[in-house]
Protein backbone atom coordinates (compact mmCIF):
# COMPACT_ATOMS: atom_id res chain seq x y z
CA UNK A 1 -11.14 -13.51 4.22
CA UNK A 2 -9.72 -16.98 4.15
CA UNK A 3 -10.45 -19.23 7.29
CA UNK A 4 -7.15 -20.17 7.28
CA UNK A 5 -6.27 -17.04 8.33
CA UNK A 6 -5.54 -16.36 12.17
CA UNK A 7 -7.26 -13.45 14.19
CA UNK A 8 -3.63 -11.23 14.01
CA UNK A 9 -3.26 -12.00 10.60
CA UNK A 10 -7.03 -10.63 9.80
CA UNK A 11 -6.17 -7.78 11.90
CA UNK A 12 -3.10 -7.36 10.08
CA UNK A 13 -4.94 -7.48 6.69
CA UNK A 14 -7.33 -4.75 7.90
CA UNK A 15 -4.71 -2.60 9.02
CA UNK A 16 -3.03 -2.63 5.58
CA UNK A 17 -6.33 -2.29 3.87
CA UNK A 18 -6.99 0.96 5.60
CA UNK A 19 -3.35 2.02 5.20
CA UNK A 20 -3.66 1.77 1.38
CA UNK A 21 -6.83 3.32 1.25
CA UNK A 22 -5.71 6.09 3.10
CA UNK A 23 -3.02 6.40 0.73
CA UNK A 24 -5.17 6.95 -1.91
CA UNK A 25 -5.76 3.33 -3.28
CA UNK A 26 -8.55 2.08 -4.58
CA UNK A 27 -10.62 -0.48 -2.30
CA UNK A 28 -9.90 -3.13 -5.12
CA UNK A 29 -6.10 -2.57 -4.83
CA UNK A 30 -6.21 -1.94 -0.79
CA UNK A 31 -7.78 -5.30 -0.64
CA UNK A 32 -4.97 -6.97 -3.07
CA UNK A 33 -1.88 -5.03 -1.41
CA UNK A 34 -3.08 -6.52 1.90
CA UNK A 35 -4.04 -10.40 0.87
CA UNK A 36 -0.27 -10.45 -0.88
CA UNK A 37 1.06 -9.34 2.20
CA UNK A 38 -0.55 -11.74 4.61
CA UNK A 39 -0.17 -14.49 2.00
CA UNK A 40 3.44 -13.77 1.87
CA UNK A 41 4.29 -14.05 5.33
CA UNK A 42 2.33 -16.93 5.83
CA UNK A 43 3.99 -18.49 3.35
CA UNK A 44 7.53 -17.67 4.98
CA UNK A 45 6.32 -18.49 8.33
CA UNK A 46 5.41 -22.35 6.47
CA UNK A 47 1.78 -21.76 7.25
CA UNK A 48 0.60 -22.13 3.37
CA UNK A 49 -0.12 -25.31 1.91
CA UNK A 50 2.12 -24.26 -1.51
CA UNK A 51 4.30 -21.93 -2.03
CA UNK A 52 6.61 -20.05 -4.64
CA UNK A 53 10.62 -20.00 -4.00
CA UNK A 54 10.48 -15.92 -3.90
CA UNK A 55 7.96 -15.88 -1.30
CA UNK A 56 10.28 -18.18 1.04
CA UNK A 57 13.41 -17.21 0.33
CA UNK A 58 12.79 -13.40 -0.01
CA UNK A 59 12.81 -10.31 2.21
CA UNK A 60 9.25 -10.11 4.05
CA UNK A 61 6.86 -7.02 2.48
CA UNK A 62 7.65 -5.25 5.77
CA UNK A 63 11.38 -5.59 5.04
CA UNK A 64 11.50 -4.84 1.57
CA UNK A 65 9.26 -1.75 1.55
CA UNK A 66 8.48 -1.46 -1.59
CA UNK A 67 11.92 -1.70 -3.06
CA UNK A 68 10.68 -3.78 -6.23
CA UNK A 69 7.42 -2.11 -6.66
CA UNK A 70 8.28 -1.03 -10.59
CA UNK A 71 9.09 2.66 -9.99
CA UNK A 72 11.98 4.51 -10.84
CA UNK A 73 12.91 7.94 -10.14
CA UNK A 74 11.34 9.81 -7.54
CA UNK A 75 9.80 8.49 -4.76
CA UNK A 76 6.58 9.77 -2.63
CA UNK A 77 2.99 9.87 -3.25
CA UNK A 78 1.44 9.99 -6.99
CA UNK A 79 -0.81 13.11 -8.16
CA UNK A 80 -3.53 11.28 -7.51
CA UNK A 81 -2.80 10.61 -4.13
CA UNK A 82 -1.81 14.23 -3.24
CA UNK A 83 -4.98 15.17 -5.28
CA UNK A 84 -7.15 13.38 -2.99
CA UNK A 85 -5.45 14.55 0.51
CA UNK A 86 -5.75 18.13 -1.16
CA UNK A 87 -9.84 17.27 -1.73
CA UNK A 88 -9.90 16.21 1.92
CA UNK A 89 -8.32 19.51 2.93
CA UNK A 90 -10.56 21.41 0.64
CA UNK A 91 -7.33 22.90 -1.23
CA UNK A 92 -9.05 25.74 -3.89
CA UNK A 93 -7.91 25.43 -7.32
CA UNK A 94 -6.46 21.94 -6.81
CA UNK A 95 -8.01 20.34 -10.09
CA UNK A 96 -5.30 22.46 -12.12
CA UNK A 97 -2.33 22.24 -9.87
CA UNK A 98 0.56 19.94 -10.56
CA UNK A 99 1.92 17.12 -8.60
CA UNK A 100 4.85 19.47 -7.13
CA UNK A 101 1.72 22.43 -6.87
CA UNK A 102 0.04 19.90 -5.09
CA UNK A 103 2.93 19.33 -2.88
CA UNK A 104 3.78 22.60 -1.90
CA UNK A 105 -0.09 23.40 -1.03
CA UNK A 106 -0.22 20.54 1.14
CA UNK A 107 3.25 21.56 2.76
CA UNK A 108 5.25 18.35 1.47
CA UNK A 109 8.17 20.08 0.03
């Protein structure tokens, strides 16, 4: 973590990273999501030396909530995320299940 981060920003980074890992993201992707979120918040509050216009003039990541994540159509967890949860719960036959079947087996329909 950069030395410019406050203790609160370090805690936020860890929380976001852990949340992303729990959703099934890889550790590298989880670190990237967490760092981007904290750095955007720093830019919006004027703590960074350089900041893009989209960082300072846009909604905060917490307000935006994935509105521009590039996904179209139905939202929700991916098949791989559902599969990882089914694996944790030791659900039989998960490897051959579709996304809908996994969601049903996990009680998410």
